[in-house]
Amino acid sequence: MRRRFLFAYDIRDERRLRAVHQIAKAYGEPLQYSVFVGDLDRGERLGLEADLRDAMNLTVDSVVFVDLGEATGRGSDCFEFLGHRPFDLPQSGAVIV
């Protein structure tokens, strides 16, 4: 079952920041500079976490995950944009490139 996740990061080093940004783009779509949304199954979520752990310094960097629910349920209804909308949210299925 796919769940929609909002994830955002705070990375303290430019090299790690670029690496984490590339990882985030592989698993989701950017909403803002360090805020992403992605529809992930359990394996994809675990893969994302593993990739991030490898790229981060866990003593100073952080990533937050917000589970928005099933991708086809509440997860698709809980976004409201004010101003420019960077893309249309996925309606279903994977967003992993």
PDB file of N, CA and C in Angstrom:
ATOM      1  N   MET A   1       0.844  -1.186   0.000  1.00  0.00           N
ATOM      2  CA  MET A   1       0.000   0.000   0.000  1.00  0.00           C
ATOM      3  C   MET A   1       0.889   1.249   0.000  1.00  0.00           C
ATOM      4  N   ARG A   2       0.600   2.141  -0.899  1.00  0.00           N
ATOM      5  CA  ARG A   2       1.334   3.402  -0.989  1.00  0.00           C
ATOM      6  C   ARG A   2       0.757   4.415  -0.009  1.00  0.00           C
ATOM      7  N   ARG A   3       1.679   5.112   0.638  1.00  0.00           N
ATOM      8  CA  ARG A   3       1.294   6.195   1.529  1.00  0.00           C
ATOM      9  C   ARG A   3       1.981   7.459   1.056  1.00  0.00           C
ATOM     10  N   ARG A   4       1.317   8.563   1.234  1.00  0.00           N
ATOM     11  CA  ARG A   4       1.896   9.852   0.843  1.00  0.00           C
ATOM     12  C   ARG A   4       2.658  10.415   2.031  1.00  0.00           C
ATOM     13  N   PHE A   5       3.922  10.756   1.787  1.00  0.00           N
ATOM     14  CA  PHE A   5       4.780  11.331   2.813  1.00  0.00           C
ATOM     15  C   PHE A   5       5.235  12.718   2.397  1.00  0.00           C
ATOM     16  N   LEU A   6       5.237  13.602   3.364  1.00  0.00           N
ATOM     17  CA  LEU A   6       5.884  14.893   3.238  1.00  0.00           C
ATOM     18  C   LEU A   6       7.211  14.729   3.956  1.00  0.00           C
ATOM     19  N   PHE A   7       8.308  15.119   3.331  1.00  0.00           N
ATOM     20  CA  PHE A   7       9.587  15.056   4.022  1.00  0.00           C
ATOM     21  C   PHE A   7      10.394  16.310   3.729  1.00  0.00           C
ATOM     22  N   ALA A   8      11.088  16.758   4.760  1.00  0.00           N
ATOM     23  CA  ALA A   8      11.870  17.989   4.680  1.00  0.00           C
ATOM     24  C   ALA A   8      13.185  17.774   5.405  1.00  0.00           C
ATOM     25  N   TYR A   9      14.193  18.502   4.981  1.00  0.00           N
ATOM     26  CA  TYR A   9      15.514  18.295   5.564  1.00  0.00           C
ATOM     27  C   TYR A   9      16.171  19.611   5.964  1.00  0.00           C
ATOM     28  N   ASP A  10      17.089  19.495   6.914  1.00  0.00           N
ATOM     29  CA  ASP A  10      17.956  20.581   7.358  1.00  0.00           C
ATOM     30  C   ASP A  10      19.361  19.994   7.401  1.00  0.00           C
ATOM     31  N   ILE A  11      20.178  20.330   6.416  1.00  0.00           N
ATOM     32  CA  ILE A  11      21.504  19.751   6.258  1.00  0.00           C
ATOM     33  C   ILE A  11      22.537  20.863   6.424  1.00  0.00           C
ATOM     34  N   ARG A  12      23.559  20.630   7.240  1.00  0.00           N
ATOM     35  CA  ARG A  12      24.494  21.671   7.646  1.00  0.00           C
ATOM     36  C   ARG A  12      25.751  21.803   6.794  1.00  0.00           C
ATOM     37  N   ASP A  13      25.891  21.013   5.763  1.00  0.00           N
ATOM     38  CA  ASP A  13      27.093  21.025   4.935  1.00  0.00           C
ATOM     39  C   ASP A  13      26.672  21.023   3.468  1.00  0.00           C
ATOM     40  N   GLU A  14      27.315  21.857   2.658  1.00  0.00           N
ATOM     41  CA  GLU A  14      26.934  22.012   1.254  1.00  0.00           C
ATOM     42  C   GLU A  14      27.030  20.705   0.463  1.00  0.00           C
ATOM     43  N   ARG A  15      28.071  19.936   0.660  1.00  0.00           N
ATOM     44  CA  ARG A  15      28.242  18.672  -0.066  1.00  0.00           C
ATOM     45  C   ARG A  15      27.137  17.685   0.320  1.00  0.00           C
ATOM     46  N   ARG A  16      26.876  17.554   1.610  1.00  0.00           N
ATOM     47  CA  ARG A  16      25.813  16.652   2.066  1.00  0.00           C
ATOM     48  C   ARG A  16      24.444  17.164   1.613  1.00  0.00           C
ATOM     49  N   LEU A  17      24.277  18.477   1.621  1.00  0.00           N
ATOM     50  CA  LEU A  17      23.018  19.074   1.172  1.00  0.00           C
ATOM     51  C   LEU A  17      22.719  18.682  -0.274  1.00  0.00           C
ATOM     52  N   ARG A  18      23.710  18.777  -1.149  1.00  0.00           N
ATOM     53  CA  ARG A  18      23.502  18.393  -2.550  1.00  0.00           C
ATOM     54  C   ARG A  18      23.155  16.911  -2.662  1.00  0.00           C
ATOM     55  N   ALA A  19      23.848  16.069  -1.882  1.00  0.00           N
ATOM     56  CA  ALA A  19      23.585  14.622  -1.926  1.00  0.00           C
ATOM     57  C   ALA A  19      22.170  14.316  -1.439  1.00  0.00           C
ATOM     58  N   VAL A  20      21.767  14.930  -0.348  1.00  0.00           N
ATOM     59  CA  VAL A  20      20.424  14.685   0.200  1.00  0.00           C
ATOM     60  C   VAL A  20      19.365  15.205  -0.768  1.00  0.00           C
ATOM     61  N   HIS A  21      19.617  16.340  -1.389  1.00  0.00           N
ATOM     62  CA  HIS A  21      18.660  16.882  -2.357  1.00  0.00           C
ATOM     63  C   HIS A  21      18.465  15.905  -3.523  1.00  0.00           C
ATOM     64  N   GLN A  22      19.534  15.326  -4.031  1.00  0.00           N
ATOM     65  CA  GLN A  22      19.438  14.355  -5.128  1.00  0.00           C
ATOM     66  C   GLN A  22      18.656  13.111  -4.698  1.00  0.00           C
ATOM     67  N   ILE A  23      18.895  12.659  -3.482  1.00  0.00           N
ATOM     68  CA  ILE A  23      18.154  11.502  -2.959  1.00  0.00           C
ATOM     69  C   ILE A  23      16.667  11.833  -2.862  1.00  0.00           C
ATOM     70  N   ALA A  24      16.360  13.001  -2.304  1.00  0.00           N
ATOM     71  CA  ALA A  24      14.957  13.403  -2.153  1.00  0.00           C
ATOM     72  C   ALA A  24      14.267  13.486  -3.513  1.00  0.00           C
ATOM     73  N   LYS A  25      14.954  14.013  -4.532  1.00  0.00           N
ATOM     74  CA  LYS A  25      14.369  14.100  -5.874  1.00  0.00           C
ATOM     75  C   LYS A  25      14.124  12.717  -6.468  1.00  0.00           C
ATOM     76  N   ALA A  26      14.911  11.733  -6.073  1.00  0.00           N
ATOM     77  CA  ALA A  26      14.715  10.377  -6.591  1.00  0.00           C
ATOM     78  C   ALA A  26      13.472   9.718  -6.012  1.00  0.00           C
ATOM     79  N   TYR A  27      13.016  10.186  -4.854  1.00  0.00           N
ATOM     80  CA  TYR A  27      11.879   9.555  -4.178  1.00  0.00           C
ATOM     81  C   TYR A  27      10.615  10.416  -4.159  1.00  0.00           C
ATOM     82  N   GLY A  28      10.723  11.681  -4.535  1.00  0.00           N
ATOM     83  CA  GLY A  28       9.552  12.538  -4.448  1.00  0.00           C
ATOM     84  C   GLY A  28       9.664  13.758  -5.337  1.00  0.00           C
ATOM     85  N   GLU A  29       8.684  14.621  -5.200  1.00  0.00           N
ATOM     86  CA  GLU A  29       8.622  15.866  -5.957  1.00  0.00           C
ATOM     87  C   GLU A  29       8.834  17.035  -5.000  1.00  0.00           C
ATOM     88  N   PRO A  30       9.624  18.027  -5.409  1.00  0.00           N
ATOM     89  CA  PRO A  30       9.856  19.172  -4.527  1.00  0.00           C
ATOM     90  C   PRO A  30       8.631  20.084  -4.443  1.00  0.00           C
ATOM     91  N   LEU A  31       8.275  20.436  -3.220  1.00  0.00           N
ATOM     92  CA  LEU A  31       7.245  21.460  -3.007  1.00  0.00           C
ATOM     93  C   LEU A  31       7.904  22.818  -2.819  1.00  0.00           C
ATOM     94  N   GLN A  32       9.006  22.827  -2.086  1.00  0.00           N
ATOM     95  CA  GLN A  32       9.834  24.000  -1.866  1.00  0.00           C
ATOM     96  C   GLN A  32      11.273  23.517  -1.821  1.00  0.00           C
ATOM     97  N   TYR A  33      12.222  24.394  -1.528  1.00  0.00           N
ATOM     98  CA  TYR A  33      13.634  24.034  -1.630  1.00  0.00           C
ATOM     99  C   TYR A  33      13.988  22.752  -0.889  1.00  0.00           C
ATOM    100  N   SER A  34      13.554  22.590   0.324  1.00  0.00           N
ATOM    101  CA  SER A  34      13.933  21.400   1.096  1.00  0.00           C
ATOM    102  C   SER A  34      12.722  20.606   1.558  1.00  0.00           C
ATOM    103  N   VAL A  35      11.595  20.777   0.881  1.00  0.00           N
ATOM    104  CA  VAL A  35      10.359  20.095   1.243  1.00  0.00           C
ATOM    105  C   VAL A  35       9.874  19.292   0.035  1.00  0.00           C
ATOM    106  N   PHE A  36       9.629  17.992   0.256  1.00  0.00           N
ATOM    107  CA  PHE A  36       9.251  17.084  -0.828  1.00  0.00           C
ATOM    108  C   PHE A  36       8.008  16.299  -0.443  1.00  0.00           C
ATOM    109  N   VAL A  37       7.311  15.805  -1.459  1.00  0.00           N
ATOM    110  CA  VAL A  37       6.192  14.896  -1.249  1.00  0.00           C
ATOM    111  C   VAL A  37       6.413  13.690  -2.156  1.00  0.00           C
ATOM    112  N   GLY A  38       6.135  12.504  -1.604  1.00  0.00           N
ATOM    113  CA  GLY A  38       6.294  11.288  -2.390  1.00  0.00           C
ATOM    114  C   GLY A  38       5.333  10.211  -1.942  1.00  0.00           C
ATOM    115  N   ASP A  39       4.883   9.413  -2.896  1.00  0.00           N
ATOM    116  CA  ASP A  39       4.015   8.268  -2.614  1.00  0.00           C
ATOM    117  C   ASP A  39       4.908   7.036  -2.554  1.00  0.00           C
ATOM    118  N   LEU A  40       5.048   6.453  -1.377  1.00  0.00           N
ATOM    119  CA  LEU A  40       6.013   5.383  -1.158  1.00  0.00           C
ATOM    120  C   LEU A  40       5.352   4.167  -0.532  1.00  0.00           C
ATOM    121  N   ASP A  41       5.779   2.982  -0.966  1.00  0.00           N
ATOM    122  CA  ASP A  41       5.384   1.781  -0.235  1.00  0.00           C
ATOM    123  C   ASP A  41       6.426   1.545   0.861  1.00  0.00           C
ATOM    124  N   ARG A  42       6.236   0.521   1.651  1.00  0.00           N
ATOM    125  CA  ARG A  42       7.123   0.293   2.801  1.00  0.00           C
ATOM    126  C   ARG A  42       8.587   0.121   2.382  1.00  0.00           C
ATOM    127  N   GLY A  43       8.827  -0.646   1.327  1.00  0.00           N
ATOM    128  CA  GLY A  43      10.184  -0.877   0.858  1.00  0.00           C
ATOM    129  C   GLY A  43      10.854   0.399   0.368  1.00  0.00           C
ATOM    130  N   GLU A  44      10.097   1.221  -0.348  1.00  0.00           N
ATOM    131  CA  GLU A  44      10.630   2.487  -0.837  1.00  0.00           C
ATOM    132  C   GLU A  44      10.952   3.430   0.321  1.00  0.00           C
ATOM    133  N   ARG A  45      10.076   3.452   1.314  1.00  0.00           N
ATOM    134  CA  ARG A  45      10.327   4.299   2.489  1.00  0.00           C
ATOM    135  C   ARG A  45      11.611   3.851   3.195  1.00  0.00           C
ATOM    136  N   LEU A  46      11.792   2.542   3.357  1.00  0.00           N
ATOM    137  CA  LEU A  46      13.010   2.038   3.983  1.00  0.00           C
ATOM    138  C   LEU A  46      14.239   2.351   3.133  1.00  0.00           C
ATOM    139  N   GLY A  47      14.106   2.253   1.816  1.00  0.00           N
ATOM    140  CA  GLY A  47      15.208   2.602   0.923  1.00  0.00           C
ATOM    141  C   GLY A  47      15.575   4.069   1.025  1.00  0.00           C
ATOM    142  N   LEU A  48      14.564   4.938   1.092  1.00  0.00           N
ATOM    143  CA  LEU A  48      14.805   6.361   1.251  1.00  0.00           C
ATOM    144  C   LEU A  48      15.571   6.627   2.543  1.00  0.00           C
ATOM    145  N   GLU A  49      15.120   6.036   3.636  1.00  0.00           N
ATOM    146  CA  GLU A  49      15.801   6.232   4.920  1.00  0.00           C
ATOM    147  C   GLU A  49      17.241   5.740   4.874  1.00  0.00           C
ATOM    148  N   ALA A  50      17.473   4.587   4.263  1.00  0.00           N
ATOM    149  CA  ALA A  50      18.832   4.047   4.177  1.00  0.00           C
ATOM    150  C   ALA A  50      19.726   4.967   3.341  1.00  0.00           C
ATOM    151  N   ASP A  51      19.219   5.431   2.209  1.00  0.00           N
ATOM    152  CA  ASP A  51      20.002   6.335   1.366  1.00  0.00           C
ATOM    153  C   ASP A  51      20.330   7.631   2.105  1.00  0.00           C
ATOM    154  N   LEU A  52      19.355   8.160   2.840  1.00  0.00           N
ATOM    155  CA  LEU A  52      19.588   9.387   3.593  1.00  0.00           C
ATOM    156  C   LEU A  52      20.614   9.176   4.700  1.00  0.00           C
ATOM    157  N   ARG A  53      20.511   8.079   5.417  1.00  0.00           N
ATOM    158  CA  ARG A  53      21.482   7.792   6.481  1.00  0.00           C
ATOM    159  C   ARG A  53      22.907   7.766   5.940  1.00  0.00           C
ATOM    160  N   ASP A  54      23.071   7.194   4.758  1.00  0.00           N
ATOM    161  CA  ASP A  54      24.398   7.121   4.149  1.00  0.00           C
ATOM    162  C   ASP A  54      24.942   8.495   3.775  1.00  0.00           C
ATOM    163  N   ALA A  55      24.064   9.435   3.459  1.00  0.00           N
ATOM    164  CA  ALA A  55      24.479  10.758   2.992  1.00  0.00           C
ATOM    165  C   ALA A  55      24.589  11.794   4.103  1.00  0.00           C
ATOM    166  N   MET A  56      23.922  11.556   5.224  1.00  0.00           N
ATOM    167  CA  MET A  56      23.825  12.555   6.288  1.00  0.00           C
ATOM    168  C   MET A  56      24.881  12.362   7.376  1.00  0.00           C
ATOM    169  N   ASN A  57      25.097  13.429   8.116  1.00  0.00           N
ATOM    170  CA  ASN A  57      25.812  13.358   9.389  1.00  0.00           C
ATOM    171  C   ASN A  57      24.716  13.424  10.450  1.00  0.00           C
ATOM    172  N   LEU A  58      24.366  12.296  11.020  1.00  0.00           N
ATOM    173  CA  LEU A  58      23.198  12.214  11.906  1.00  0.00           C
ATOM    174  C   LEU A  58      23.365  12.986  13.212  1.00  0.00           C
ATOM    175  N   THR A  59      24.559  13.466  13.506  1.00  0.00           N
ATOM    176  CA  THR A  59      24.732  14.256  14.730  1.00  0.00           C
ATOM    177  C   THR A  59      24.352  15.725  14.533  1.00  0.00           C
ATOM    178  N   VAL A  60      24.317  16.206  13.275  1.00  0.00           N
ATOM    179  CA  VAL A  60      23.983  17.618  13.045  1.00  0.00           C
ATOM    180  C   VAL A  60      22.893  17.835  11.995  1.00  0.00           C
ATOM    181  N   ASP A  61      22.664  16.870  11.114  1.00  0.00           N
ATOM    182  CA  ASP A  61      21.652  16.996  10.056  1.00  0.00           C
ATOM    183  C   ASP A  61      20.348  16.347  10.512  1.00  0.00           C
ATOM    184  N   SER A  62      19.244  16.751   9.883  1.00  0.00           N
ATOM    185  CA  SER A  62      17.968  16.115  10.231  1.00  0.00           C
ATOM    186  C   SER A  62      17.028  16.077   9.032  1.00  0.00           C
ATOM    187  N   VAL A  63      16.163  15.077   9.056  1.00  0.00           N
ATOM    188  CA  VAL A  63      15.075  14.938   8.082  1.00  0.00           C
ATOM    189  C   VAL A  63      13.824  14.617   8.880  1.00  0.00           C
ATOM    190  N   VAL A  64      12.724  15.248   8.523  1.00  0.00           N
ATOM    191  CA  VAL A  64      11.448  14.952   9.166  1.00  0.00           C
ATOM    192  C   VAL A  64      10.531  14.312   8.128  1.00  0.00           C
ATOM    193  N   PHE A  65       9.796  13.284   8.542  1.00  0.00           N
ATOM    194  CA  PHE A  65       8.815  12.604   7.699  1.00  0.00           C
ATOM    195  C   PHE A  65       7.436  12.826   8.305  1.00  0.00           C
ATOM    196  N   VAL A  66       6.475  13.192   7.470  1.00  0.00           N
ATOM    197  CA  VAL A  66       5.093  13.345   7.907  1.00  0.00           C
ATOM    198  C   VAL A  66       4.256  12.405   7.050  1.00  0.00           C
ATOM    199  N   ASP A  67       3.639  11.411   7.683  1.00  0.00           N
ATOM    200  CA  ASP A  67       2.790  10.445   6.993  1.00  0.00           C
ATOM    201  C   ASP A  67       1.418  11.084   6.809  1.00  0.00           C
ATOM    202  N   LEU A  68       1.051  11.340   5.559  1.00  0.00           N
ATOM    203  CA  LEU A  68      -0.218  12.008   5.250  1.00  0.00           C
ATOM    204  C   LEU A  68      -1.347  11.032   4.971  1.00  0.00           C
ATOM    205  N   GLY A  69      -1.064   9.747   5.049  1.00  0.00           N
ATOM    206  CA  GLY A  69      -2.102   8.746   4.836  1.00  0.00           C
ATOM    207  C   GLY A  69      -1.984   8.093   3.477  1.00  0.00           C
ATOM    208  N   GLU A  70      -2.971   7.271   3.162  1.00  0.00           N
ATOM    209  CA  GLU A  70      -2.973   6.570   1.883  1.00  0.00           C
ATOM    210  C   GLU A  70      -2.916   7.573   0.741  1.00  0.00           C
ATOM    211  N   ALA A  71      -2.110   7.248  -0.255  1.00  0.00           N
ATOM    212  CA  ALA A  71      -1.900   8.164  -1.376  1.00  0.00           C
ATOM    213  C   ALA A  71      -3.194   8.523  -2.092  1.00  0.00           C
ATOM    214  N   THR A  72      -4.145   7.599  -2.119  1.00  0.00           N
ATOM    215  CA  THR A  72      -5.408   7.861  -2.816  1.00  0.00           C
ATOM    216  C   THR A  72      -6.498   8.348  -1.875  1.00  0.00           C
ATOM    217  N   GLY A  73      -6.213   8.448  -0.593  1.00  0.00           N
ATOM    218  CA  GLY A  73      -7.197   8.917   0.384  1.00  0.00           C
ATOM    219  C   GLY A  73      -6.886  10.333   0.810  1.00  0.00           C
ATOM    220  N   ARG A  74      -6.799  10.524   2.106  1.00  0.00           N
ATOM    221  CA  ARG A  74      -6.531  11.838   2.673  1.00  0.00           C
ATOM    222  C   ARG A  74      -5.242  12.444   2.138  1.00  0.00           C
ATOM    223  N   GLY A  75      -4.273  11.587   1.801  1.00  0.00           N
ATOM    224  CA  GLY A  75      -2.991  12.062   1.304  1.00  0.00           C
ATOM    225  C   GLY A  75      -3.089  12.939   0.075  1.00  0.00           C
ATOM    226  N   SER A  76      -4.141  12.756  -0.716  1.00  0.00           N
ATOM    227  CA  SER A  76      -4.292  13.586  -1.911  1.00  0.00           C
ATOM    228  C   SER A  76      -5.146  14.821  -1.650  1.00  0.00           C
ATOM    229  N   ASP A  77      -5.830  14.873  -0.519  1.00  0.00           N
ATOM    230  CA  ASP A  77      -6.757  15.967  -0.239  1.00  0.00           C
ATOM    231  C   ASP A  77      -6.236  16.995   0.760  1.00  0.00           C
ATOM    232  N   CYS A  78      -5.073  16.778   1.361  1.00  0.00           N
ATOM    233  CA  CYS A  78      -4.663  17.627   2.479  1.00  0.00           C
ATOM    234  C   CYS A  78      -3.694  18.740   2.079  1.00  0.00           C
ATOM    235  N   PHE A  79      -3.563  19.031   0.796  1.00  0.00           N
ATOM    236  CA  PHE A  79      -2.679  20.105   0.339  1.00  0.00           C
ATOM    237  C   PHE A  79      -3.495  21.282  -0.142  1.00  0.00           C
ATOM    238  N   GLU A  80      -3.098  22.454   0.292  1.00  0.00           N
ATOM    239  CA  GLU A  80      -3.638  23.697  -0.237  1.00  0.00           C
ATOM    240  C   GLU A  80      -2.450  24.585  -0.548  1.00  0.00           C
ATOM    241  N   PHE A  81      -2.458  25.221  -1.706  1.00  0.00           N
ATOM    242  CA  PHE A  81      -1.363  26.088  -2.105  1.00  0.00           C
ATOM    243  C   PHE A  81      -1.832  27.529  -2.116  1.00  0.00           C
ATOM    244  N   LEU A  82      -0.959  28.412  -1.698  1.00  0.00           N
ATOM    245  CA  LEU A  82      -1.167  29.853  -1.809  1.00  0.00           C
ATOM    246  C   LEU A  82      -0.039  30.355  -2.689  1.00  0.00           C
ATOM    247  N   GLY A  83      -0.361  30.931  -3.809  1.00  0.00           N
ATOM    248  CA  GLY A  83       0.683  31.358  -4.740  1.00  0.00           C
ATOM    249  C   GLY A  83       0.996  30.260  -5.738  1.00  0.00           C
ATOM    250  N   HIS A  84       2.195  30.297  -6.273  1.00  0.00           N
ATOM    251  CA  HIS A  84       2.627  29.376  -7.324  1.00  0.00           C
ATOM    252  C   HIS A  84       2.557  27.931  -6.859  1.00  0.00           C
ATOM    253  N   ARG A  85       1.959  27.087  -7.661  1.00  0.00           N
ATOM    254  CA  ARG A  85       1.902  25.650  -7.387  1.00  0.00           C
ATOM    255  C   ARG A  85       2.928  24.980  -8.293  1.00  0.00           C
ATOM    256  N   PRO A  86       3.981  24.397  -7.717  1.00  0.00           N
ATOM    257  CA  PRO A  86       5.099  23.923  -8.532  1.00  0.00           C
ATOM    258  C   PRO A  86       4.776  22.758  -9.455  1.00  0.00           C
ATOM    259  N   PHE A  87       3.776  21.962  -9.140  1.00  0.00           N
ATOM    260  CA  PHE A  87       3.409  20.817  -9.965  1.00  0.00           C
ATOM    261  C   PHE A  87       2.076  20.286  -9.475  1.00  0.00           C
ATOM    262  N   ASP A  88       1.470  19.415 -10.269  1.00  0.00           N
ATOM    263  CA  ASP A  88       0.256  18.732  -9.829  1.00  0.00           C
ATOM    264  C   ASP A  88       0.652  17.534  -8.982  1.00  0.00           C
ATOM    265  N   LEU A  89       0.019  17.352  -7.848  1.00  0.00           N
ATOM    266  CA  LEU A  89       0.305  16.211  -6.987  1.00  0.00           C
ATOM    267  C   LEU A  89      -0.061  14.931  -7.713  1.00  0.00           C
ATOM    268  N   PRO A  90       0.693  13.864  -7.501  1.00  0.00           N
ATOM    269  CA  PRO A  90       0.371  12.588  -8.143  1.00  0.00           C
ATOM    270  C   PRO A  90      -1.022  12.117  -7.742  1.00  0.00           C
ATOM    271  N   GLN A  91      -1.707  11.498  -8.667  1.00  0.00           N
ATOM    272  CA  GLN A  91      -3.031  10.966  -8.381  1.00  0.00           C
ATOM    273  C   GLN A  91      -2.961   9.532  -7.871  1.00  0.00           C
ATOM    274  N   SER A  92      -1.930   8.795  -8.256  1.00  0.00           N
ATOM    275  CA  SER A  92      -1.710   7.439  -7.764  1.00  0.00           C
ATOM    276  C   SER A  92      -0.401   6.916  -8.317  1.00  0.00           C
ATOM    277  N   GLY A  93       0.056   5.827  -7.768  1.00  0.00           N
ATOM    278  CA  GLY A  93       1.243   5.161  -8.290  1.00  0.00           C
ATOM    279  C   GLY A  93       2.530   5.783  -7.811  1.00  0.00           C
ATOM    280  N   ALA A  94       3.604   5.209  -8.275  1.00  0.00           N
ATOM    281  CA  ALA A  94       4.943   5.619  -7.841  1.00  0.00           C
ATOM    282  C   ALA A  94       5.330   6.953  -8.446  1.00  0.00           C
ATOM    283  N   VAL A  95       6.121   7.708  -7.703  1.00  0.00           N
ATOM    284  CA  VAL A  95       6.724   8.909  -8.233  1.00  0.00           C
ATOM    285  C   VAL A  95       8.238   8.774  -8.247  1.00  0.00           C
ATOM    286  N   ILE A  96       8.724   7.576  -7.956  1.00  0.00           N
ATOM    287  CA  ILE A  96      10.165   7.347  -7.938  1.00  0.00           C
ATOM    288  C   ILE A  96      10.678   7.271  -9.358  1.00  0.00           C
ATOM    289  N   VAL A  97      11.751   7.983  -9.620  1.00  0.00           N
ATOM    290  CA  VAL A  97      12.340   8.029 -10.962  1.00  0.00           C
ATOM    291  C   VAL A  97      13.382   6.952 -11.102  1.00  0.00           C
TER     292      VAL A  97
END
